[in-house]
mmCIF file of all heavy atoms, coordinates in Angstrom:
data_MODEL
# 
_entry.id   MODEL 
# 
loop_
_atom_site.group_PDB 
_atom_site.id 
_atom_site.type_symbol 
_atom_site.label_atom_id 
_atom_site.label_alt_id 
_atom_site.label_comp_id 
_atom_site.label_asym_id 
_atom_site.label_entity_id 
_atom_site.label_seq_id 
_atom_site.pdbx_PDB_ins_code 
_atom_site.Cartn_x 
_atom_site.Cartn_y 
_atom_site.Cartn_z 
_atom_site.occupancy 
_atom_site.B_iso_or_equiv 
_atom_site.pdbx_formal_charge 
_atom_site.auth_seq_id 
_atom_site.auth_comp_id 
_atom_site.auth_asym_id 
_atom_site.auth_atom_id 
_atom_site.pdbx_PDB_model_num 
ATOM 1   N N   . LYS A 1 1  ? 8.396   34.977 216.064 1.00 0.00 ? 1  LYS A N   1 
ATOM 2   C CA  . LYS A 1 1  ? 7.911   33.849 216.877 1.00 0.00 ? 1  LYS A CA  1 
ATOM 3   C C   . LYS A 1 1  ? 7.980   32.563 216.073 1.00 0.00 ? 1  LYS A C   1 
ATOM 4   O O   . LYS A 1 1  ? 7.966   32.574 214.835 1.00 0.00 ? 1  LYS A O   1 
ATOM 5   C CB  . LYS A 1 1  ? 6.481   34.109 217.339 1.00 0.00 ? 1  LYS A CB  1 
ATOM 6   C CG  . LYS A 1 1  ? 5.488   34.330 216.211 1.00 0.00 ? 1  LYS A CG  1 
ATOM 7   C CD  . LYS A 1 1  ? 4.098   34.696 216.736 1.00 0.00 ? 1  LYS A CD  1 
ATOM 8   C CE  . LYS A 1 1  ? 4.071   36.110 217.269 1.00 0.00 ? 1  LYS A CE  1 
ATOM 9   N NZ  . LYS A 1 1  ? 2.699   36.531 217.632 1.00 0.00 ? 1  LYS A NZ  1 
ATOM 10  N N   . ILE A 1 2  ? 8.054   31.447 216.803 1.00 0.00 ? 2  ILE A N   1 
ATOM 11  C CA  . ILE A 1 2  ? 8.032   30.109 216.222 1.00 0.00 ? 2  ILE A CA  1 
ATOM 12  C C   . ILE A 1 2  ? 6.751   29.430 216.679 1.00 0.00 ? 2  ILE A C   1 
ATOM 13  O O   . ILE A 1 2  ? 6.498   29.308 217.884 1.00 0.00 ? 2  ILE A O   1 
ATOM 14  C CB  . ILE A 1 2  ? 9.269   29.298 216.635 1.00 0.00 ? 2  ILE A CB  1 
ATOM 15  C CG1 . ILE A 1 2  ? 10.537  29.931 216.050 1.00 0.00 ? 2  ILE A CG1 1 
ATOM 16  C CG2 . ILE A 1 2  ? 9.149   27.847 216.174 1.00 0.00 ? 2  ILE A CG2 1 
ATOM 17  C CD1 . ILE A 1 2  ? 11.820  29.228 216.460 1.00 0.00 ? 2  ILE A CD1 1 
ATOM 18  N N   . ILE A 1 3  ? 5.932   28.998 215.723 1.00 0.00 ? 3  ILE A N   1 
ATOM 19  C CA  . ILE A 1 3  ? 4.628   28.397 216.020 1.00 0.00 ? 3  ILE A CA  1 
ATOM 20  C C   . ILE A 1 3  ? 4.608   26.987 215.446 1.00 0.00 ? 3  ILE A C   1 
ATOM 21  O O   . ILE A 1 3  ? 4.907   26.794 214.255 1.00 0.00 ? 3  ILE A O   1 
ATOM 22  C CB  . ILE A 1 3  ? 3.482   29.234 215.413 1.00 0.00 ? 3  ILE A CB  1 
ATOM 23  C CG1 . ILE A 1 3  ? 3.546   30.672 215.942 1.00 0.00 ? 3  ILE A CG1 1 
ATOM 24  C CG2 . ILE A 1 3  ? 2.126   28.612 215.719 1.00 0.00 ? 3  ILE A CG2 1 
ATOM 25  C CD1 . ILE A 1 3  ? 2.565   31.610 215.300 1.00 0.00 ? 3  ILE A CD1 1 
ATOM 26  N N   . PRO A 1 4  ? 4.271   25.969 216.262 1.00 0.00 ? 4  PRO A N   1 
ATOM 27  C CA  . PRO A 1 4  ? 4.168   24.599 215.728 1.00 0.00 ? 4  PRO A CA  1 
ATOM 28  C C   . PRO A 1 4  ? 3.074   24.514 214.654 1.00 0.00 ? 4  PRO A C   1 
ATOM 29  O O   . PRO A 1 4  ? 2.065   25.224 214.710 1.00 0.00 ? 4  PRO A O   1 
ATOM 30  C CB  . PRO A 1 4  ? 3.805   23.755 216.957 1.00 0.00 ? 4  PRO A CB  1 
ATOM 31  C CG  . PRO A 1 4  ? 4.174   24.597 218.131 1.00 0.00 ? 4  PRO A CG  1 
ATOM 32  C CD  . PRO A 1 4  ? 4.022   26.022 217.712 1.00 0.00 ? 4  PRO A CD  1 
ATOM 33  N N   . LEU A 1 5  ? 3.296   23.636 213.683 1.00 0.00 ? 5  LEU A N   1 
ATOM 34  C CA  . LEU A 1 5  ? 2.319   23.482 212.607 1.00 0.00 ? 5  LEU A CA  1 
ATOM 35  C C   . LEU A 1 5  ? 1.042   22.805 213.067 1.00 0.00 ? 5  LEU A C   1 
ATOM 36  O O   . LEU A 1 5  ? 0.058   22.773 212.322 1.00 0.00 ? 5  LEU A O   1 
ATOM 37  C CB  . LEU A 1 5  ? 2.937   22.692 211.451 1.00 0.00 ? 5  LEU A CB  1 
ATOM 38  C CG  . LEU A 1 5  ? 4.043   23.410 210.679 1.00 0.00 ? 5  LEU A CG  1 
ATOM 39  C CD1 . LEU A 1 5  ? 4.622   22.511 209.609 1.00 0.00 ? 5  LEU A CD1 1 
ATOM 40  C CD2 . LEU A 1 5  ? 3.527   24.704 210.065 1.00 0.00 ? 5  LEU A CD2 1 
ATOM 41  N N   . THR A 1 6  ? 1.059   22.247 214.279 1.00 0.00 ? 6  THR A N   1 
ATOM 42  C CA  . THR A 1 6  ? -0.170  21.666 214.828 1.00 0.00 ? 6  THR A CA  1 
ATOM 43  C C   . THR A 1 6  ? -1.143  22.734 215.299 1.00 0.00 ? 6  THR A C   1 
ATOM 44  O O   . THR A 1 6  ? -2.294  22.424 215.606 1.00 0.00 ? 6  THR A O   1 
ATOM 45  C CB  . THR A 1 6  ? 0.175   20.732 215.994 1.00 0.00 ? 6  THR A CB  1 
ATOM 46  O OG1 . THR A 1 6  ? 0.963   21.452 216.958 1.00 0.00 ? 6  THR A OG1 1 
ATOM 47  C CG2 . THR A 1 6  ? 0.964   19.525 215.501 1.00 0.00 ? 6  THR A CG2 1 
ATOM 48  N N   . LYS A 1 7  ? -0.672  24.000 215.352 1.00 0.00 ? 7  LYS A N   1 
ATOM 49  C CA  . LYS A 1 7  ? -1.522  25.103 215.786 1.00 0.00 ? 7  LYS A CA  1 
ATOM 50  C C   . LYS A 1 7  ? -1.724  26.078 214.628 1.00 0.00 ? 7  LYS A C   1 
ATOM 51  O O   . LYS A 1 7  ? -0.865  26.201 213.759 1.00 0.00 ? 7  LYS A O   1 
ATOM 52  C CB  . LYS A 1 7  ? -0.889  25.841 216.972 1.00 0.00 ? 7  LYS A CB  1 
ATOM 53  C CG  . LYS A 1 7  ? -0.732  24.992 218.220 1.00 0.00 ? 7  LYS A CG  1 
ATOM 54  C CD  . LYS A 1 7  ? -0.116  25.815 219.340 1.00 0.00 ? 7  LYS A CD  1 
ATOM 55  C CE  . LYS A 1 7  ? 0.045   24.989 220.604 1.00 0.00 ? 7  LYS A CE  1 
ATOM 56  N NZ  . LYS A 1 7  ? 0.657   25.787 221.702 1.00 0.00 ? 7  LYS A NZ  1 
ATOM 57  N N   . PRO A 1 8  ? -2.844  26.812 214.633 1.00 0.00 ? 8  PRO A N   1 
ATOM 58  C CA  . PRO A 1 8  ? -3.036  27.847 213.594 1.00 0.00 ? 8  PRO A CA  1 
ATOM 59  C C   . PRO A 1 8  ? -2.044  28.996 213.800 1.00 0.00 ? 8  PRO A C   1 
ATOM 60  O O   . PRO A 1 8  ? -1.606  29.276 214.911 1.00 0.00 ? 8  PRO A O   1 
ATOM 61  C CB  . PRO A 1 8  ? -4.481  28.304 213.810 1.00 0.00 ? 8  PRO A CB  1 
ATOM 62  C CG  . PRO A 1 8  ? -5.113  27.250 214.649 1.00 0.00 ? 8  PRO A CG  1 
ATOM 63  C CD  . PRO A 1 8  ? -4.028  26.657 215.483 1.00 0.00 ? 8  PRO A CD  1 
ATOM 64  N N   . PHE A 1 9  ? -1.695  29.657 212.715 1.00 0.00 ? 9  PHE A N   1 
ATOM 65  C CA  . PHE A 1 9  ? -0.821  30.826 212.797 1.00 0.00 ? 9  PHE A CA  1 
ATOM 66  C C   . PHE A 1 9  ? -1.341  31.895 211.843 1.00 0.00 ? 9  PHE A C   1 
ATOM 67  O O   . PHE A 1 9  ? -2.011  31.598 210.854 1.00 0.00 ? 9  PHE A O   1 
ATOM 68  C CB  . PHE A 1 9  ? 0.636   30.457 212.461 1.00 0.00 ? 9  PHE A CB  1 
ATOM 69  C CG  . PHE A 1 9  ? 0.854   29.965 211.063 1.00 0.00 ? 9  PHE A CG  1 
ATOM 70  C CD1 . PHE A 1 9  ? 1.197   30.825 210.037 1.00 0.00 ? 9  PHE A CD1 1 
ATOM 71  C CD2 . PHE A 1 9  ? 0.730   28.615 210.762 1.00 0.00 ? 9  PHE A CD2 1 
ATOM 72  C CE1 . PHE A 1 9  ? 1.407   30.376 208.748 1.00 0.00 ? 9  PHE A CE1 1 
ATOM 73  C CE2 . PHE A 1 9  ? 0.936   28.148 209.470 1.00 0.00 ? 9  PHE A CE2 1 
ATOM 74  C CZ  . PHE A 1 9  ? 1.271   29.023 208.463 1.00 0.00 ? 9  PHE A CZ  1 
ATOM 75  N N   . ARG A 1 10 ? -1.017  33.154 212.171 1.00 0.00 ? 10 ARG A N   1 
ATOM 76  C CA  . ARG A 1 10 ? -1.478  34.303 211.399 1.00 0.00 ? 10 ARG A CA  1 
ATOM 77  C C   . ARG A 1 10 ? -0.294  34.923 210.673 1.00 0.00 ? 10 ARG A C   1 
ATOM 78  O O   . ARG A 1 10 ? 0.780   35.123 211.241 1.00 0.00 ? 10 ARG A O   1 
ATOM 79  C CB  . ARG A 1 10 ? -2.127  35.348 212.314 1.00 0.00 ? 10 ARG A CB  1 
ATOM 80  C CG  . ARG A 1 10 ? -3.386  34.849 212.995 1.00 0.00 ? 10 ARG A CG  1 
ATOM 81  C CD  . ARG A 1 10 ? -3.912  35.905 213.973 1.00 0.00 ? 10 ARG A CD  1 
ATOM 82  N NE  . ARG A 1 10 ? -4.401  37.076 213.272 1.00 0.00 ? 10 ARG A NE  1 
ATOM 83  C CZ  . ARG A 1 10 ? -5.638  37.208 212.825 1.00 0.00 ? 10 ARG A CZ  1 
ATOM 84  N NH1 . ARG A 1 10 ? -6.515  36.239 213.013 1.00 0.00 ? 10 ARG A NH1 1 
ATOM 85  N NH2 . ARG A 1 10 ? -6.020  38.307 212.202 1.00 0.00 ? 10 ARG A NH2 1 
ATOM 86  N N   . TRP A 1 11 ? -0.522  35.204 209.396 1.00 0.00 ? 11 TRP A N   1 
ATOM 87  C CA  . TRP A 1 11 ? 0.502   35.854 208.563 1.00 0.00 ? 11 TRP A CA  1 
ATOM 88  C C   . TRP A 1 11 ? -0.201  36.771 207.575 1.00 0.00 ? 11 TRP A C   1 
ATOM 89  O O   . TRP A 1 11 ? -1.108  36.350 206.854 1.00 0.00 ? 11 TRP A O   1 
ATOM 90  C CB  . TRP A 1 11 ? 1.329   34.792 207.825 1.00 0.00 ? 11 TRP A CB  1 
ATOM 91  C CG  . TRP A 1 11 ? 2.415   35.368 206.970 1.00 0.00 ? 11 TRP A CG  1 
ATOM 92  C CD1 . TRP A 1 11 ? 3.601   35.881 207.391 1.00 0.00 ? 11 TRP A CD1 1 
ATOM 93  C CD2 . TRP A 1 11 ? 2.409   35.500 205.547 1.00 0.00 ? 11 TRP A CD2 1 
ATOM 94  N NE1 . TRP A 1 11 ? 4.331   36.326 206.320 1.00 0.00 ? 11 TRP A NE1 1 
ATOM 95  C CE2 . TRP A 1 11 ? 3.620   36.101 205.168 1.00 0.00 ? 11 TRP A CE2 1 
ATOM 96  C CE3 . TRP A 1 11 ? 1.485   35.168 204.559 1.00 0.00 ? 11 TRP A CE3 1 
ATOM 97  C CZ2 . TRP A 1 11 ? 3.936   36.389 203.852 1.00 0.00 ? 11 TRP A CZ2 1 
ATOM 98  C CZ3 . TRP A 1 11 ? 1.802   35.451 203.233 1.00 0.00 ? 11 TRP A CZ3 1 
ATOM 99  C CH2 . TRP A 1 11 ? 3.025   36.050 202.891 1.00 0.00 ? 11 TRP A CH2 1 
ATOM 100 N N   . CYS A 1 12 ? 0.205   38.043 207.577 1.00 0.00 ? 12 CYS A N   1 
ATOM 101 C CA  . CYS A 1 12 ? -0.395  39.055 206.692 1.00 0.00 ? 12 CYS A CA  1 
ATOM 102 C C   . CYS A 1 12 ? -1.912  39.108 206.862 1.00 0.00 ? 12 CYS A C   1 
ATOM 103 O O   . CYS A 1 12 ? -2.669  39.075 205.872 1.00 0.00 ? 12 CYS A O   1 
ATOM 104 C CB  . CYS A 1 12 ? -0.026  38.785 205.232 1.00 0.00 ? 12 CYS A CB  1 
ATOM 105 S SG  . CYS A 1 12 ? 1.654   39.258 204.811 1.00 0.00 ? 12 CYS A SG  1 
ATOM 106 N N   . LYS A 1 13 ? -2.371  39.174 208.093 1.00 0.00 ? 13 LYS A N   1 
ATOM 107 C CA  . LYS A 1 13 ? -3.784  39.336 208.428 1.00 0.00 ? 13 LYS A CA  1 
ATOM 108 C C   . LYS A 1 13 ? -4.637  38.122 208.042 1.00 0.00 ? 13 LYS A C   1 
ATOM 109 O O   . LYS A 1 13 ? -5.869  38.223 208.022 1.00 0.00 ? 13 LYS A O   1 
ATOM 110 C CB  . LYS A 1 13 ? -4.377  40.589 207.771 1.00 0.00 ? 13 LYS A CB  1 
ATOM 111 C CG  . LYS A 1 13 ? -3.669  41.882 208.121 1.00 0.00 ? 13 LYS A CG  1 
ATOM 112 C CD  . LYS A 1 13 ? -3.891  42.278 209.561 1.00 0.00 ? 13 LYS A CD  1 
ATOM 113 C CE  . LYS A 1 13 ? -3.258  43.632 209.860 1.00 0.00 ? 13 LYS A CE  1 
ATOM 114 N NZ  . LYS A 1 13 ? -3.481  44.057 211.262 1.00 0.00 ? 13 LYS A NZ  1 
ATOM 115 N N   . ALA A 1 14 ? -4.025  36.996 207.733 1.00 0.00 ? 14 ALA A N   1 
ATOM 116 C CA  . ALA A 1 14 ? -4.767  35.781 207.394 1.00 0.00 ? 14 ALA A CA  1 
ATOM 117 C C   . ALA A 1 14 ? -4.385  34.679 208.372 1.00 0.00 ? 14 ALA A C   1 
ATOM 118 O O   . ALA A 1 14 ? -3.257  34.636 208.879 1.00 0.00 ? 14 ALA A O   1 
ATOM 119 C CB  . ALA A 1 14 ? -4.489  35.342 205.964 1.00 0.00 ? 14 ALA A CB  1 
ATOM 120 N N   . ARG A 1 15 ? -5.328  33.780 208.617 1.00 0.00 ? 15 ARG A N   1 
ATOM 121 C CA  . ARG A 1 15 ? -5.134  32.695 209.583 1.00 0.00 ? 15 ARG A CA  1 
ATOM 122 C C   . ARG A 1 15 ? -5.038  31.367 208.832 1.00 0.00 ? 15 ARG A C   1 
ATOM 123 O O   . ARG A 1 15 ? -5.973  30.967 208.123 1.00 0.00 ? 15 ARG A O   1 
ATOM 124 C CB  . ARG A 1 15 ? -6.309  32.666 210.564 1.00 0.00 ? 15 ARG A CB  1 
ATOM 125 C CG  . ARG A 1 15 ? -6.187  31.673 211.714 1.00 0.00 ? 15 ARG A CG  1 
ATOM 126 C CD  . ARG A 1 15 ? -7.337  31.907 212.673 1.00 0.00 ? 15 ARG A CD  1 
ATOM 127 N NE  . ARG A 1 15 ? -7.289  31.030 213.828 1.00 0.00 ? 15 ARG A NE  1 
ATOM 128 C CZ  . ARG A 1 15 ? -7.961  29.889 213.935 1.00 0.00 ? 15 ARG A CZ  1 
ATOM 129 N NH1 . ARG A 1 15 ? -8.752  29.486 212.931 1.00 0.00 ? 15 ARG A NH1 1 
ATOM 130 N NH2 . ARG A 1 15 ? -7.875  29.160 215.022 1.00 0.00 ? 15 ARG A NH2 1 
ATOM 131 N N   . PHE A 1 16 ? -3.895  30.683 208.992 1.00 0.00 ? 16 PHE A N   1 
ATOM 132 C CA  . PHE A 1 16 ? -3.634  29.420 208.309 1.00 0.00 ? 16 PHE A CA  1 
ATOM 133 C C   . PHE A 1 16 ? -3.736  28.268 209.311 1.00 0.00 ? 16 PHE A C   1 
ATOM 134 O O   . PHE A 1 16 ? -3.180  28.352 210.409 1.00 0.00 ? 16 PHE A O   1 
ATOM 135 C CB  . PHE A 1 16 ? -2.249  29.413 207.667 1.00 0.00 ? 16 PHE A CB  1 
ATOM 136 C CG  . PHE A 1 16 ? -2.089  30.396 206.544 1.00 0.00 ? 16 PHE A CG  1 
ATOM 137 C CD1 . PHE A 1 16 ? -1.784  31.730 206.790 1.00 0.00 ? 16 PHE A CD1 1 
ATOM 138 C CD2 . PHE A 1 16 ? -2.262  30.003 205.227 1.00 0.00 ? 16 PHE A CD2 1 
ATOM 139 C CE1 . PHE A 1 16 ? -1.638  32.632 205.765 1.00 0.00 ? 16 PHE A CE1 1 
ATOM 140 C CE2 . PHE A 1 16 ? -2.118  30.907 204.187 1.00 0.00 ? 16 PHE A CE2 1 
ATOM 141 C CZ  . PHE A 1 16 ? -1.811  32.214 204.455 1.00 0.00 ? 16 PHE A CZ  1 
ATOM 142 N N   . THR A 1 17 ? -4.422  27.206 208.902 1.00 0.00 ? 17 THR A N   1 
ATOM 143 C CA  . THR A 1 17 ? -4.584  26.017 209.740 1.00 0.00 ? 17 THR A CA  1 
ATOM 144 C C   . THR A 1 17 ? -4.278  24.788 208.904 1.00 0.00 ? 17 THR A C   1 
ATOM 145 O O   . THR A 1 17 ? -4.897  24.570 207.854 1.00 0.00 ? 17 THR A O   1 
ATOM 146 C CB  . THR A 1 17 ? -6.007  25.921 210.303 1.00 0.00 ? 17 THR A CB  1 
ATOM 147 O OG1 . THR A 1 17 ? -6.344  27.145 210.982 1.00 0.00 ? 17 THR A OG1 1 
ATOM 148 C CG2 . THR A 1 17 ? -6.119  24.761 211.283 1.00 0.00 ? 17 THR A CG2 1 
ATOM 149 N N   . LEU A 1 18 ? -3.318  23.980 209.361 1.00 0.00 ? 18 LEU A N   1 
ATOM 150 C CA  . LEU A 1 18 ? -2.979  22.707 208.715 1.00 0.00 ? 18 LEU A CA  1 
ATOM 151 C C   . LEU A 1 18 ? -3.602  21.593 209.543 1.00 0.00 ? 18 LEU A C   1 
ATOM 152 O O   . LEU A 1 18 ? -3.166  21.310 210.662 1.00 0.00 ? 18 LEU A O   1 
ATOM 153 C CB  . LEU A 1 18 ? -1.459  22.546 208.628 1.00 0.00 ? 18 LEU A CB  1 
ATOM 154 C CG  . LEU A 1 18 ? -0.945  21.260 207.967 1.00 0.00 ? 18 LEU A CG  1 
ATOM 155 C CD1 . LEU A 1 18 ? -1.419  21.155 206.520 1.00 0.00 ? 18 LEU A CD1 1 
ATOM 156 C CD2 . LEU A 1 18 ? 0.578   21.201 208.024 1.00 0.00 ? 18 LEU A CD2 1 
ATOM 157 N N   . THR A 1 19 ? -4.634  20.952 209.003 1.00 0.00 ? 19 THR A N   1 
ATOM 158 C CA  . THR A 1 19 ? -5.368  19.932 209.748 1.00 0.00 ? 19 THR A CA  1 
ATOM 159 C C   . THR A 1 19 ? -4.621  18.598 209.725 1.00 0.00 ? 19 THR A C   1 
ATOM 160 O O   . THR A 1 19 ? -3.623  18.425 209.008 1.00 0.00 ? 19 THR A O   1 
ATOM 161 C CB  . THR A 1 19 ? -6.771  19.757 209.158 1.00 0.00 ? 19 THR A CB  1 
ATOM 162 O OG1 . THR A 1 19 ? -6.657  19.279 207.805 1.00 0.00 ? 19 THR A OG1 1 
ATOM 163 C CG2 . THR A 1 19 ? -7.520  21.094 209.151 1.00 0.00 ? 19 THR A CG2 1 
ATOM 164 N N   . GLU A 1 20 ? -5.120  17.623 210.498 1.00 0.00 ? 20 GLU A N   1 
ATOM 165 C CA  . GLU A 1 20 ? -4.487  16.300 210.567 1.00 0.00 ? 20 GLU A CA  1 
ATOM 166 C C   . GLU A 1 20 ? -4.574  15.555 209.241 1.00 0.00 ? 20 GLU A C   1 
ATOM 167 O O   . GLU A 1 20 ? -3.732  14.709 208.941 1.00 0.00 ? 20 GLU A O   1 
ATOM 168 C CB  . GLU A 1 20 ? -5.143  15.477 211.675 1.00 0.00 ? 20 GLU A CB  1 
ATOM 169 C CG  . GLU A 1 20 ? -4.924  16.042 213.064 1.00 0.00 ? 20 GLU A CG  1 
ATOM 170 C CD  . GLU A 1 20 ? -5.600  15.200 214.141 1.00 0.00 ? 20 GLU A CD  1 
ATOM 171 O OE1 . GLU A 1 20 ? -6.309  14.230 213.757 1.00 0.00 ? 20 GLU A OE1 1 
ATOM 172 O OE2 . GLU A 1 20 ? -5.422  15.492 215.324 1.00 0.00 ? 20 GLU A OE2 1 
ATOM 173 N N   . THR A 1 21 ? -5.594  15.836 208.445 1.00 0.00 ? 21 THR A N   1 
ATOM 174 C CA  . THR A 1 21 ? -5.755  15.172 207.152 1.00 0.00 ? 21 THR A CA  1 
ATOM 175 C C   . THR A 1 21 ? -4.973  15.859 206.033 1.00 0.00 ? 21 THR A C   1 
ATOM 176 O O   . THR A 1 21 ? -4.979  15.377 204.899 1.00 0.00 ? 21 THR A O   1 
ATOM 177 C CB  . THR A 1 21 ? -7.244  15.127 206.768 1.00 0.00 ? 21 THR A CB  1 
ATOM 178 O OG1 . THR A 1 21 ? -7.751  16.469 206.680 1.00 0.00 ? 21 THR A OG1 1 
ATOM 179 C CG2 . THR A 1 21 ? -8.038  14.345 207.806 1.00 0.00 ? 21 THR A CG2 1 
ATOM 180 N N   . GLY A 1 22 ? -4.333  16.982 206.330 1.00 0.00 ? 22 GLY A N   1 
ATOM 181 C CA  . GLY A 1 22 ? -3.572  17.706 205.327 1.00 0.00 ? 22 GLY A CA  1 
ATOM 182 C C   . GLY A 1 22 ? -4.340  18.830 204.667 1.00 0.00 ? 22 GLY A C   1 
ATOM 183 O O   . GLY A 1 22 ? -3.793  19.520 203.786 1.00 0.00 ? 22 GLY A O   1 
ATOM 184 N N   . LYS A 1 23 ? -5.594  19.031 205.047 1.00 0.00 ? 23 LYS A N   1 
ATOM 185 C CA  . LYS A 1 23 ? -6.355  20.139 204.482 1.00 0.00 ? 23 LYS A CA  1 
ATOM 186 C C   . LYS A 1 23 ? -5.850  21.455 205.068 1.00 0.00 ? 23 LYS A C   1 
ATOM 187 O O   . LYS A 1 23 ? -5.568  21.549 206.259 1.00 0.00 ? 23 LYS A O   1 
ATOM 188 C CB  . LYS A 1 23 ? -7.844  19.965 204.776 1.00 0.00 ? 23 LYS A CB  1 
ATOM 189 C CG  . LYS A 1 23 ? -8.713  21.051 204.176 1.00 0.00 ? 23 LYS A CG  1 
ATOM 190 C CD  . LYS A 1 23 ? -10.184 20.838 204.481 1.00 0.00 ? 23 LYS A CD  1 
ATOM 191 C CE  . LYS A 1 23 ? -11.029 21.954 203.878 1.00 0.00 ? 23 LYS A CE  1 
ATOM 192 N NZ  . LYS A 1 23 ? -12.468 21.769 204.161 1.00 0.00 ? 23 LYS A NZ  1 
ATOM 193 N N   . ILE A 1 24 ? -5.755  22.458 204.213 1.00 0.00 ? 24 ILE A N   1 
ATOM 194 C CA  . ILE A 1 24 ? -5.246  23.766 204.620 1.00 0.00 ? 24 ILE A CA  1 
ATOM 195 C C   . ILE A 1 24 ? -6.387  24.766 204.565 1.00 0.00 ? 24 ILE A C   1 
ATOM 196 O O   . ILE A 1 24 ? -6.957  25.014 203.501 1.00 0.00 ? 24 ILE A O   1 
ATOM 197 C CB  . ILE A 1 24 ? -4.089  24.213 203.704 1.00 0.00 ? 24 ILE A CB  1 
ATOM 198 C CG1 . ILE A 1 24 ? -2.971  23.168 203.726 1.00 0.00 ? 24 ILE A CG1 1 
ATOM 199 C CG2 . ILE A 1 24 ? -3.562  25.573 204.134 1.00 0.00 ? 24 ILE A CG2 1 
ATOM 200 C CD1 . ILE A 1 24 ? -1.981  23.302 202.611 1.00 0.00 ? 24 ILE A CD1 1 
ATOM 201 N N   . LYS A 1 25 ? -6.714  25.324 205.717 1.00 0.00 ? 25 LYS A N   1 
ATOM 202 C CA  . LYS A 1 25 ? -7.777  26.318 205.804 1.00 0.00 ? 25 LYS A CA  1 
ATOM 203 C C   . LYS A 1 25 ? -7.152  27.703 205.907 1.00 0.00 ? 25 LYS A C   1 
ATOM 204 O O   . LYS A 1 25 ? -6.198  27.907 206.663 1.00 0.00 ? 25 LYS A O   1 
ATOM 205 C CB  . LYS A 1 25 ? -8.667  26.064 207.029 1.00 0.00 ? 25 LYS A CB  1 
ATOM 206 C CG  . LYS A 1 25 ? -9.422  24.747 206.988 1.00 0.00 ? 25 LYS A CG  1 
ATOM 207 C CD  . LYS A 1 25 ? -10.268 24.588 208.232 1.00 0.00 ? 25 LYS A CD  1 
ATOM 208 C CE  . LYS A 1 25 ? -11.033 23.273 208.231 1.00 0.00 ? 25 LYS A CE  1 
ATOM 209 N NZ  . LYS A 1 25 ? -11.841 23.106 209.471 1.00 0.00 ? 25 LYS A NZ  1 
ATOM 210 N N   . VAL A 1 26 ? -7.696  28.623 205.169 1.00 0.00 ? 26 VAL A N   1 
ATOM 211 C CA  . VAL A 1 26 ? -7.227  30.013 205.195 1.00 0.00 ? 26 VAL A CA  1 
ATOM 212 C C   . VAL A 1 26 ? -8.421  30.894 205.493 1.00 0.00 ? 26 VAL A C   1 
ATOM 213 O O   . VAL A 1 26 ? -9.390  30.926 204.724 1.00 0.00 ? 26 VAL A O   1 
ATOM 214 C CB  . VAL A 1 26 ? -6.581  30.426 203.860 1.00 0.00 ? 26 VAL A CB  1 
ATOM 215 C CG1 . VAL A 1 26 ? -5.989  31.823 203.974 1.00 0.00 ? 26 VAL A CG1 1 
ATOM 216 C CG2 . VAL A 1 26 ? -5.506  29.438 203.441 1.00 0.00 ? 26 VAL A CG2 1 
ATOM 217 N N   . ASN A 1 27 ? -8.368  31.586 206.611 1.00 0.00 ? 27 ASN A N   1 
ATOM 218 C CA  . ASN A 1 27 ? -9.442  32.484 207.023 1.00 0.00 ? 27 ASN A CA  1 
ATOM 219 C C   . ASN A 1 27 ? -8.965  33.924 206.978 1.00 0.00 ? 27 ASN A C   1 
ATOM 220 O O   . ASN A 1 27 ? -7.799  34.208 207.281 1.00 0.00 ? 27 ASN A O   1 
ATOM 221 C CB  . ASN A 1 27 ? -9.926  32.155 208.436 1.00 0.00 ? 27 ASN A CB  1 
ATOM 222 C CG  . ASN A 1 27 ? -10.452 30.736 208.544 1.00 0.00 ? 27 ASN A CG  1 
ATOM 223 O OD1 . ASN A 1 27 ? -9.788  29.861 209.085 1.00 0.00 ? 27 ASN A OD1 1 
ATOM 224 N ND2 . ASN A 1 27 ? -11.639 30.490 208.025 1.00 0.00 ? 27 ASN A ND2 1 
ATOM 225 N N   . GLY A 1 28 ? -9.865  34.823 206.601 1.00 0.00 ? 28 GLY A N   1 
ATOM 226 C CA  . GLY A 1 28 ? -9.530  36.234 206.542 1.00 0.00 ? 28 GLY A CA  1 
ATOM 227 C C   . GLY A 1 28 ? -9.419  36.863 207.909 1.00 0.00 ? 28 GLY A C   1 
ATOM 228 O O   . GLY A 1 28 ? -9.579  36.209 208.948 1.00 0.00 ? 28 GLY A O   1 
ATOM 229 N N   . SER A 1 29 ? -9.165  38.136 207.903 1.00 0.00 ? 29 SER A N   1 
ATOM 230 C CA  . SER A 1 29 ? -8.956  38.853 209.158 1.00 0.00 ? 29 SER A CA  1 
ATOM 231 C C   . SER A 1 29 ? -10.270 38.988 209.924 1.00 0.00 ? 29 SER A C   1 
ATOM 232 O O   . SER A 1 29 ? -11.280 39.458 209.389 1.00 0.00 ? 29 SER A O   1 
ATOM 233 C CB  . SER A 1 29 ? -8.376  40.244 208.874 1.00 0.00 ? 29 SER A CB  1 
ATOM 234 O OG  . SER A 1 29 ? -8.311  41.010 210.041 1.00 0.00 ? 29 SER A OG  1 
ATOM 235 N N   . ARG A 1 30 ? -10.247 38.566 211.178 1.00 0.00 ? 30 ARG A N   1 
ATOM 236 C CA  . ARG A 1 30 ? -11.423 38.728 212.030 1.00 0.00 ? 30 ARG A CA  1 
ATOM 237 C C   . ARG A 1 30 ? -11.648 40.200 212.361 1.00 0.00 ? 30 ARG A C   1 
ATOM 238 O O   . ARG A 1 30 ? -12.794 40.650 212.470 1.00 0.00 ? 30 ARG A O   1 
ATOM 239 C CB  . ARG A 1 30 ? -11.238 37.912 213.316 1.00 0.00 ? 30 ARG A CB  1 
ATOM 240 C CG  . ARG A 1 30 ? -12.444 37.913 214.247 1.00 0.00 ? 30 ARG A CG  1 
ATOM 241 C CD  . ARG A 1 30 ? -12.233 36.923 215.373 1.00 0.00 ? 30 ARG A CD  1 
ATOM 242 N NE  . ARG A 1 30 ? -11.009 37.198 216.113 1.00 0.00 ? 30 ARG A NE  1 
ATOM 243 C CZ  . ARG A 1 30 ? -10.544 36.426 217.089 1.00 0.00 ? 30 ARG A CZ  1 
ATOM 244 N NH1 . ARG A 1 30 ? -11.201 35.329 217.428 1.00 0.00 ? 30 ARG A NH1 1 
ATOM 245 N NH2 . ARG A 1 30 ? -9.433  36.740 217.708 1.00 0.00 ? 30 ARG A NH2 1 
# 
């Protein structure tokens, strides 16, 4: 799948979010 960087995406059971300010949030598996 192709996911825009404006949306969160999941890779290897982790959730990555690129915010408008450039901060990168990484959340574990729910």
